[in-house]
Amino acid sequence: MILFPAIDLKDGKCVRLKHGDMATATIYNDDPAAQAKAFEEQGFEWLHVVDLNGAFKGQSVNSAAVGAILKATKSPVQLGGGIRTLAQIEDWLDRGLARVILGTVAVRDPDLVRQACRAFPGKIAVGIDAKGGKVAVEGWAEASSLGVVELAKKFEGAGVAAIIYTDIDRDGVLTGINWDATIDLAEAVSIPVIASGGLASIADIVRMTMPDAKRLEGAISGRALYDGRIDPAEALAILSGKQAETTP
């Protein structure tokens, strides 16, 4: 079970949003590469990076910051936000990314996702961001008519490495992960699911160790880590089974 610390990039800085609203950005670090290094030193296995400007613009905007992160850490990095073509995917993988996250294009052009999975086995994740149970696209600015499970099932057998499922209504507001919807999704598909949106406390970390969550690959944490609501050492110890588990 992996805990992915999140580095969300806006205008070259490490920020957190509420409900995906760019106007609510709180700056946590002017140096994303230093933040990445700090997470690595705390013992995190992976880094989850999102180019927020890129998600809205439809192309990479914070490339320099991502490049600096890749140079600063040896940890595998997954990146989403504005990656819409096979050429962009190949370019990022060549630059050292471990995994590319495809969101909007997974709705607009699912065949491209399947092509990417064939071309880059194990390197493609699908980001499914939902509001009210329906998938949102273009940096969460537009709603689609697709249901979460409906979209996920389009990629069964395609070779998708993981689905990152975000409940937009909970993102950045520390109300706890939507475990019911996340686990329902994990049980509906064979693709590993990563929970995202709202992780608030050690109780959520303990929840990740419960039997019905075992199908998950892990969860993403942003604001709770930055605000000190979660102690990295304690969280990682719980997930590794080195600390006694308690009921949340």
C-alpha atoms as a PDB file:
ATOM      1  CA  MET A   1       0.000   0.000   0.000  1.00  0.00           C
ATOM      2  CA  ILE A   2       1.592   3.241  -1.204  1.00  0.00           C
ATOM      3  CA  LEU A   3       1.090   6.731   0.193  1.00  0.00           C
ATOM      4  CA  PHE A   4       1.756   9.205  -2.617  1.00  0.00           C
ATOM      5  CA  PRO A   5       2.645  12.740  -1.469  1.00  0.00           C
ATOM      6  CA  ALA A   6       1.234  15.288  -3.895  1.00  0.00           C
ATOM      7  CA  ILE A   7       3.102  18.148  -5.502  1.00  0.00           C
ATOM      8  CA  ASP A   8       0.608  20.333  -7.355  1.00  0.00           C
ATOM      9  CA  LEU A   9       2.258  22.945  -9.554  1.00  0.00           C
ATOM     10  CA  LYS A  10       0.832  26.391 -10.277  1.00  0.00           C
ATOM     11  CA  ASP A  11       3.028  29.070 -11.827  1.00  0.00           C
ATOM     12  CA  GLY A  12       6.129  27.076 -10.908  1.00  0.00           C
ATOM     13  CA  LYS A  13       5.227  26.813  -7.230  1.00  0.00           C
ATOM     14  CA  CYS A  14       3.992  23.987  -5.015  1.00  0.00           C
ATOM     15  CA  VAL A  15       0.384  24.717  -4.059  1.00  0.00           C
ATOM     16  CA  ARG A  16      -2.849  23.115  -2.861  1.00  0.00           C
ATOM     17  CA  LEU A  17      -6.307  24.004  -4.131  1.00  0.00           C
ATOM     18  CA  LYS A  18      -9.785  23.532  -2.687  1.00  0.00           C
ATOM     19  CA  HIS A  19     -12.226  21.670  -4.946  1.00  0.00           C
ATOM     20  CA  GLY A  20      -9.821  22.230  -7.840  1.00  0.00           C
ATOM     21  CA  ASP A  21     -10.465  25.998  -7.872  1.00  0.00           C
ATOM     22  CA  MET A  22      -7.321  27.822  -9.022  1.00  0.00           C
ATOM     23  CA  ALA A  23      -8.418  30.955  -7.153  1.00  0.00           C
ATOM     24  CA  THR A  24      -8.080  29.104  -3.838  1.00  0.00           C
ATOM     25  CA  ALA A  25      -4.403  28.216  -4.231  1.00  0.00           C
ATOM     26  CA  THR A  26      -2.327  28.132  -1.067  1.00  0.00           C
ATOM     27  CA  ILE A  27       1.408  28.277  -1.758  1.00  0.00           C
ATOM     28  CA  TYR A  28       3.335  25.765   0.349  1.00  0.00           C
ATOM     29  CA  ASN A  29       6.755  25.896  -1.285  1.00  0.00           C
ATOM     30  CA  ASP A  30       8.343  28.164  -3.877  1.00  0.00           C
ATOM     31  CA  ASP A  31      10.794  25.370  -4.709  1.00  0.00           C
ATOM     32  CA  PRO A  32       9.005  22.186  -5.881  1.00  0.00           C
ATOM     33  CA  ALA A  33      12.321  20.354  -6.321  1.00  0.00           C
ATOM     34  CA  ALA A  34      13.206  20.976  -2.674  1.00  0.00           C
ATOM     35  CA  GLN A  35       9.769  19.730  -1.676  1.00  0.00           C
ATOM     36  CA  ALA A  36      10.283  16.569  -3.732  1.00  0.00           C
ATOM     37  CA  LYS A  37      13.639  15.966  -2.071  1.00  0.00           C
ATOM     38  CA  ALA A  38      12.071  16.465   1.366  1.00  0.00           C
ATOM     39  CA  PHE A  39       9.385  13.887   0.627  1.00  0.00           C
ATOM     40  CA  GLU A  40      12.036  11.433  -0.569  1.00  0.00           C
ATOM     41  CA  GLU A  41      14.062  11.949   2.619  1.00  0.00           C
ATOM     42  CA  GLN A  42      10.937  11.316   4.699  1.00  0.00           C
ATOM     43  CA  GLY A  43      10.750   7.854   3.159  1.00  0.00           C
ATOM     44  CA  PHE A  44       7.987   8.126   0.574  1.00  0.00           C
ATOM     45  CA  GLU A  45       8.325   5.610  -2.271  1.00  0.00           C
ATOM     46  CA  TRP A  46       6.616   7.627  -5.019  1.00  0.00           C
ATOM     47  CA  LEU A  47       5.789  11.225  -5.889  1.00  0.00           C
ATOM     48  CA  HIS A  48       2.485  12.347  -7.416  1.00  0.00           C
ATOM     49  CA  VAL A  49       2.893  15.542  -9.456  1.00  0.00           C
ATOM     50  CA  VAL A  50       0.186  17.555 -11.210  1.00  0.00           C
ATOM     51  CA  ASP A  51       0.707  20.455 -13.619  1.00  0.00           C
ATOM     52  CA  LEU A  52      -2.391  22.467 -12.686  1.00  0.00           C
ATOM     53  CA  ASN A  53      -1.827  25.162 -15.305  1.00  0.00           C
ATOM     54  CA  GLY A  54      -1.296  22.436 -17.864  1.00  0.00           C
ATOM     55  CA  ALA A  55      -4.568  20.727 -16.971  1.00  0.00           C
ATOM     56  CA  PHE A  56      -6.486  23.902 -17.799  1.00  0.00           C
ATOM     57  CA  LYS A  57      -4.425  24.868 -20.844  1.00  0.00           C
ATOM     58  CA  GLY A  58      -4.272  21.396 -22.404  1.00  0.00           C
ATOM     59  CA  GLN A  59      -0.489  21.319 -22.647  1.00  0.00           C
ATOM     60  CA  SER A  60       2.433  21.205 -20.234  1.00  0.00           C
ATOM     61  CA  VAL A  61       3.102  24.573 -18.593  1.00  0.00           C
ATOM     62  CA  ASN A  62       5.274  23.762 -15.566  1.00  0.00           C
ATOM     63  CA  SER A  63       7.813  21.679 -17.476  1.00  0.00           C
ATOM     64  CA  ALA A  64      10.792  23.404 -15.878  1.00  0.00           C
ATOM     65  CA  ALA A  65       9.532  22.661 -12.373  1.00  0.00           C
ATOM     66  CA  VAL A  66       8.836  19.034 -13.248  1.00  0.00           C
ATOM     67  CA  GLY A  67      12.295  18.714 -14.771  1.00  0.00           C
ATOM     68  CA  ALA A  68      13.837  20.100 -11.594  1.00  0.00           C
ATOM     69  CA  ILE A  69      11.861  17.567  -9.521  1.00  0.00           C
ATOM     70  CA  LEU A  70      13.122  14.710 -11.691  1.00  0.00           C
ATOM     71  CA  LYS A  71      16.705  15.877 -11.187  1.00  0.00           C
ATOM     72  CA  ALA A  72      16.302  16.387  -7.438  1.00  0.00           C
ATOM     73  CA  THR A  73      14.982  12.936  -6.545  1.00  0.00           C
ATOM     74  CA  LYS A  74      15.529   9.293  -7.385  1.00  0.00           C
ATOM     75  CA  SER A  75      11.952   8.447  -6.404  1.00  0.00           C
ATOM     76  CA  PRO A  76       9.627   7.345  -9.219  1.00  0.00           C
ATOM     77  CA  VAL A  77       7.363  10.201 -10.288  1.00  0.00           C
ATOM     78  CA  GLN A  78       3.901  10.075 -11.845  1.00  0.00           C
ATOM     79  CA  LEU A  79       2.709  13.223 -13.631  1.00  0.00           C
ATOM     80  CA  GLY A  80      -0.649  14.448 -14.838  1.00  0.00           C
ATOM     81  CA  GLY A  81      -1.982  17.689 -16.259  1.00  0.00           C
ATOM     82  CA  GLY A  82      -2.195  18.706 -19.909  1.00  0.00           C
ATOM     83  CA  ILE A  83      -0.685  15.560 -21.410  1.00  0.00           C
ATOM     84  CA  ARG A  84      -2.857  14.842 -24.438  1.00  0.00           C
ATOM     85  CA  THR A  85      -0.767  13.231 -27.210  1.00  0.00           C
ATOM     86  CA  LEU A  86       1.462  10.195 -27.750  1.00  0.00           C
ATOM     87  CA  ALA A  87       4.363  12.517 -28.564  1.00  0.00           C
ATOM     88  CA  GLN A  88       3.957  14.322 -25.219  1.00  0.00           C
ATOM     89  CA  ILE A  89       3.756  11.006 -23.376  1.00  0.00           C
ATOM     90  CA  GLU A  90       6.917   9.727 -25.046  1.00  0.00           C
ATOM     91  CA  ASP A  91       8.753  12.974 -24.341  1.00  0.00           C
ATOM     92  CA  TRP A  92       7.945  12.857 -20.627  1.00  0.00           C
ATOM     93  CA  LEU A  93       8.871   9.205 -20.281  1.00  0.00           C
ATOM     94  CA  ASP A  94      12.155   9.911 -22.056  1.00  0.00           C
ATOM     95  CA  ARG A  95      12.807  12.648 -19.496  1.00  0.00           C
ATOM     96  CA  GLY A  96      12.558  10.169 -16.665  1.00  0.00           C
ATOM     97  CA  LEU A  97       8.939   9.950 -15.563  1.00  0.00           C
ATOM     98  CA  ALA A  98       7.906   6.574 -14.189  1.00  0.00           C
ATOM     99  CA  ARG A  99       4.255   7.019 -15.113  1.00  0.00           C
ATOM    100  CA  VAL A 100       2.109   9.430 -17.120  1.00  0.00           C
ATOM    101  CA  ILE A 101      -1.445  10.176 -15.960  1.00  0.00           C
ATOM    102  CA  LEU A 102      -4.041  10.719 -18.681  1.00  0.00           C
ATOM    103  CA  GLY A 103      -7.277  12.408 -17.620  1.00  0.00           C
ATOM    104  CA  THR A 104      -9.153  14.550 -20.124  1.00  0.00           C
ATOM    105  CA  VAL A 105      -7.870  12.543 -23.079  1.00  0.00           C
ATOM    106  CA  ALA A 106      -9.180   9.354 -21.450  1.00  0.00           C
ATOM    107  CA  VAL A 107     -12.671  10.802 -21.893  1.00  0.00           C
ATOM    108  CA  ARG A 108     -12.112  12.524 -25.232  1.00  0.00           C
ATOM    109  CA  ASP A 109     -10.015   9.841 -26.938  1.00  0.00           C
ATOM    110  CA  PRO A 110      -9.945   6.486 -25.091  1.00  0.00           C
ATOM    111  CA  ASP A 111      -8.283   4.858 -28.100  1.00  0.00           C
ATOM    112  CA  LEU A 112      -5.223   7.038 -27.538  1.00  0.00           C
ATOM    113  CA  VAL A 113      -4.987   5.680 -23.991  1.00  0.00           C
ATOM    114  CA  ARG A 114      -5.054   2.121 -25.344  1.00  0.00           C
ATOM    115  CA  GLN A 115      -2.370   3.001 -27.908  1.00  0.00           C
ATOM    116  CA  ALA A 116      -0.222   4.525 -25.187  1.00  0.00           C
ATOM    117  CA  CYS A 117      -0.590   1.403 -23.020  1.00  0.00           C
ATOM    118  CA  ARG A 118       0.592  -0.756 -25.907  1.00  0.00           C
ATOM    119  CA  ALA A 119       3.507   1.562 -26.683  1.00  0.00           C
ATOM    120  CA  PHE A 120       4.573   2.122 -23.080  1.00  0.00           C
ATOM    121  CA  PRO A 121       3.602  -0.933 -20.991  1.00  0.00           C
ATOM    122  CA  GLY A 122       3.184  -0.242 -17.291  1.00  0.00           C
ATOM    123  CA  LYS A 123       3.749   3.482 -17.759  1.00  0.00           C
ATOM    124  CA  ILE A 124       0.206   4.779 -18.249  1.00  0.00           C
ATOM    125  CA  ALA A 125      -2.286   5.662 -15.530  1.00  0.00           C
ATOM    126  CA  VAL A 126      -5.784   7.047 -16.023  1.00  0.00           C
ATOM    127  CA  GLY A 127      -6.989   9.921 -13.873  1.00  0.00           C
ATOM    128  CA  ILE A 128     -10.726   9.853 -13.190  1.00  0.00           C
ATOM    129  CA  ASP A 129     -11.897  13.001 -11.447  1.00  0.00           C
ATOM    130  CA  ALA A 130     -15.550  13.046 -10.459  1.00  0.00           C
ATOM    131  CA  LYS A 131     -18.078  15.512  -9.124  1.00  0.00           C
ATOM    132  CA  GLY A 132     -21.427  14.151  -8.065  1.00  0.00           C
ATOM    133  CA  GLY A 133     -20.470  10.782  -9.522  1.00  0.00           C
ATOM    134  CA  LYS A 134     -19.849  12.181 -13.024  1.00  0.00           C
ATOM    135  CA  VAL A 135     -16.435  12.543 -14.625  1.00  0.00           C
ATOM    136  CA  ALA A 136     -15.016  16.070 -14.976  1.00  0.00           C
ATOM    137  CA  VAL A 137     -12.449  17.147 -17.586  1.00  0.00           C
ATOM    138  CA  GLU A 138     -10.294  20.118 -18.632  1.00  0.00           C
ATOM    139  CA  GLY A 139      -8.836  20.694 -15.182  1.00  0.00           C
ATOM    140  CA  TRP A 140     -12.217  19.895 -13.606  1.00  0.00           C
ATOM    141  CA  ALA A 141     -13.725  22.915 -15.367  1.00  0.00           C
ATOM    142  CA  GLU A 142     -16.170  20.857 -17.463  1.00  0.00           C
ATOM    143  CA  ALA A 143     -18.537  18.066 -16.504  1.00  0.00           C
ATOM    144  CA  SER A 144     -19.177  15.053 -18.735  1.00  0.00           C
ATOM    145  CA  SER A 145     -22.111  12.661 -18.773  1.00  0.00           C
ATOM    146  CA  LEU A 146     -19.871   9.672 -18.047  1.00  0.00           C
ATOM    147  CA  GLY A 147     -20.080   7.766 -14.784  1.00  0.00           C
ATOM    148  CA  VAL A 148     -16.890   6.793 -12.987  1.00  0.00           C
ATOM    149  CA  VAL A 149     -17.249   3.014 -13.334  1.00  0.00           C
ATOM    150  CA  GLU A 150     -18.498   3.411 -16.913  1.00  0.00           C
ATOM    151  CA  LEU A 151     -15.275   5.196 -17.883  1.00  0.00           C
ATOM    152  CA  ALA A 152     -13.033   2.842 -15.926  1.00  0.00           C
ATOM    153  CA  LYS A 153     -14.499  -0.213 -17.633  1.00  0.00           C
ATOM    154  CA  LYS A 154     -13.491   1.203 -21.025  1.00  0.00           C
ATOM    155  CA  PHE A 155      -9.891   0.394 -20.095  1.00  0.00           C
ATOM    156  CA  GLU A 156     -10.277  -3.152 -18.778  1.00  0.00           C
ATOM    157  CA  GLY A 157      -7.633  -5.301 -20.416  1.00  0.00           C
ATOM    158  CA  ALA A 158      -5.907  -2.310 -22.017  1.00  0.00           C
ATOM    159  CA  GLY A 159      -2.855  -2.463 -19.769  1.00  0.00           C
ATOM    160  CA  VAL A 160      -3.555   0.634 -17.658  1.00  0.00           C
ATOM    161  CA  ALA A 161      -1.154   0.568 -14.696  1.00  0.00           C
ATOM    162  CA  ALA A 162      -3.526   2.338 -12.295  1.00  0.00           C
ATOM    163  CA  ILE A 163      -6.649   4.454 -12.028  1.00  0.00           C
ATOM    164  CA  ILE A 164      -6.332   7.554  -9.865  1.00  0.00           C
ATOM    165  CA  TYR A 165      -9.816   8.343  -8.608  1.00  0.00           C
ATOM    166  CA  THR A 166     -10.421  11.815  -7.175  1.00  0.00           C
ATOM    167  CA  ASP A 167     -13.625  12.982  -5.536  1.00  0.00           C
ATOM    168  CA  ILE A 168     -13.543  16.689  -6.419  1.00  0.00           C
ATOM    169  CA  ASP A 169     -16.063  17.587  -3.711  1.00  0.00           C
ATOM    170  CA  ARG A 170     -13.562  16.405  -1.100  1.00  0.00           C
ATOM    171  CA  ASP A 171     -10.315  17.551  -2.682  1.00  0.00           C
ATOM    172  CA  GLY A 172      -8.253  19.907  -0.566  1.00  0.00           C
ATOM    173  CA  VAL A 173     -10.805  20.303   2.221  1.00  0.00           C
ATOM    174  CA  LEU A 174      -9.698  17.564   4.635  1.00  0.00           C
ATOM    175  CA  THR A 175     -13.074  15.847   4.964  1.00  0.00           C
ATOM    176  CA  GLY A 176     -11.753  12.313   4.508  1.00  0.00           C
ATOM    177  CA  ILE A 177     -11.534  10.158   1.401  1.00  0.00           C
ATOM    178  CA  ASN A 178     -14.769   8.940  -0.194  1.00  0.00           C
ATOM    179  CA  TRP A 179     -14.019   5.346   0.739  1.00  0.00           C
ATOM    180  CA  ASP A 180     -17.371   3.920  -0.368  1.00  0.00           C
ATOM    181  CA  ALA A 181     -17.088   5.198  -3.940  1.00  0.00           C
ATOM    182  CA  THR A 182     -13.380   4.403  -4.144  1.00  0.00           C
ATOM    183  CA  ILE A 183     -13.770   0.821  -2.970  1.00  0.00           C
ATOM    184  CA  ASP A 184     -16.839   0.329  -5.204  1.00  0.00           C
ATOM    185  CA  LEU A 185     -14.672   1.348  -8.159  1.00  0.00           C
ATOM    186  CA  ALA A 186     -11.827  -0.955  -7.096  1.00  0.00           C
ATOM    187  CA  GLU A 187     -14.260  -3.854  -6.888  1.00  0.00           C
ATOM    188  CA  ALA A 188     -15.792  -3.060 -10.300  1.00  0.00           C
ATOM    189  CA  VAL A 189     -12.545  -3.265 -12.290  1.00  0.00           C
ATOM    190  CA  SER A 190      -9.363  -5.311 -12.224  1.00  0.00           C
ATOM    191  CA  ILE A 191      -7.152  -2.216 -12.663  1.00  0.00           C
ATOM    192  CA  PRO A 192      -5.426  -1.071  -9.433  1.00  0.00           C
ATOM    193  CA  VAL A 193      -7.079   2.039  -7.966  1.00  0.00           C
ATOM    194  CA  ILE A 194      -5.392   4.921  -6.128  1.00  0.00           C
ATOM    195  CA  ALA A 195      -7.626   6.972  -3.818  1.00  0.00           C
ATOM    196  CA  SER A 196      -7.415  10.755  -4.004  1.00  0.00           C
ATOM    197  CA  GLY A 197      -9.250  13.736  -2.593  1.00  0.00           C
ATOM    198  CA  GLY A 198      -9.820  14.597   1.049  1.00  0.00           C
ATOM    199  CA  LEU A 199      -7.289  12.443   2.904  1.00  0.00           C
ATOM    200  CA  ALA A 200      -7.382  14.153   6.272  1.00  0.00           C
ATOM    201  CA  SER A 201      -5.754  12.278   9.116  1.00  0.00           C
ATOM    202  CA  ILE A 202      -4.106   9.141  10.448  1.00  0.00           C
ATOM    203  CA  ALA A 203      -7.627   7.650  10.576  1.00  0.00           C
ATOM    204  CA  ASP A 204      -7.603   7.628   6.756  1.00  0.00           C
ATOM    205  CA  ILE A 205      -4.204   5.932   6.796  1.00  0.00           C
ATOM    206  CA  VAL A 206      -5.488   3.233   9.123  1.00  0.00           C
ATOM    207  CA  ARG A 207      -8.558   2.886   6.879  1.00  0.00           C
ATOM    208  CA  MET A 208      -6.206   1.982   4.028  1.00  0.00           C
ATOM    209  CA  THR A 209      -5.150  -1.123   5.958  1.00  0.00           C
ATOM    210  CA  MET A 210      -8.672  -2.507   6.390  1.00  0.00           C
ATOM    211  CA  PRO A 211      -9.513  -5.717   4.484  1.00  0.00           C
ATOM    212  CA  ASP A 212     -11.914  -4.106   1.991  1.00  0.00           C
ATOM    213  CA  ALA A 213      -9.230  -1.598   0.968  1.00  0.00           C
ATOM    214  CA  LYS A 214      -6.634  -4.231   0.123  1.00  0.00           C
ATOM    215  CA  ARG A 215      -7.488  -3.992  -3.583  1.00  0.00           C
ATOM    216  CA  LEU A 216      -6.234  -0.412  -3.649  1.00  0.00           C
ATOM    217  CA  GLU A 217      -2.701   0.424  -4.734  1.00  0.00           C
ATOM    218  CA  GLY A 218      -2.639   3.326  -2.312  1.00  0.00           C
ATOM    219  CA  ALA A 219      -3.798   6.892  -1.708  1.00  0.00           C
ATOM    220  CA  ILE A 220      -2.625  10.428  -2.400  1.00  0.00           C
ATOM    221  CA  SER A 221      -2.102  12.996   0.344  1.00  0.00           C
ATOM    222  CA  GLY A 222      -1.635  16.707  -0.109  1.00  0.00           C
ATOM    223  CA  ARG A 223      -2.882  19.309   2.361  1.00  0.00           C
ATOM    224  CA  ALA A 224      -2.855  16.896   5.336  1.00  0.00           C
ATOM    225  CA  LEU A 225       0.876  16.382   4.875  1.00  0.00           C
ATOM    226  CA  TYR A 226       1.644  20.045   4.277  1.00  0.00           C
ATOM    227  CA  ASP A 227      -0.400  21.172   7.279  1.00  0.00           C
ATOM    228  CA  GLY A 228       1.214  18.591   9.560  1.00  0.00           C
ATOM    229  CA  ARG A 229      -2.021  16.691  10.200  1.00  0.00           C
ATOM    230  CA  ILE A 230      -0.235  13.483   9.221  1.00  0.00           C
ATOM    231  CA  ASP A 231       3.185  12.528  10.536  1.00  0.00           C
ATOM    232  CA  PRO A 232       5.020  10.878   7.623  1.00  0.00           C
ATOM    233  CA  ALA A 233       6.940   8.422   9.813  1.00  0.00           C
ATOM    234  CA  GLU A 234       3.781   7.305  11.611  1.00  0.00           C
ATOM    235  CA  ALA A 235       1.792   6.967   8.391  1.00  0.00           C
ATOM    236  CA  LEU A 236       4.482   4.955   6.622  1.00  0.00           C
ATOM    237  CA  ALA A 237       4.936   2.721   9.672  1.00  0.00           C
ATOM    238  CA  ILE A 238       1.208   1.941   9.727  1.00  0.00           C
ATOM    239  CA  LEU A 239       1.156   1.105   6.026  1.00  0.00           C
ATOM    240  CA  SER A 240       4.227  -1.112   6.311  1.00  0.00           C
ATOM    241  CA  GLY A 241       2.662  -3.019   9.199  1.00  0.00           C
ATOM    242  CA  LYS A 242       5.441  -1.971  11.583  1.00  0.00           C
ATOM    243  CA  GLN A 243       3.045  -0.168  13.897  1.00  0.00           C
ATOM    244  CA  ALA A 244       0.055  -1.605  15.688  1.00  0.00           C
ATOM    245  CA  GLU A 245      -3.131  -0.785  13.806  1.00  0.00           C
ATOM    246  CA  THR A 246      -6.054   0.781  15.591  1.00  0.00           C
ATOM    247  CA  THR A 247      -9.616   1.238  14.485  1.00  0.00           C
ATOM    248  CA  PRO A 248     -10.231   4.763  13.172  1.00  0.00           C
END
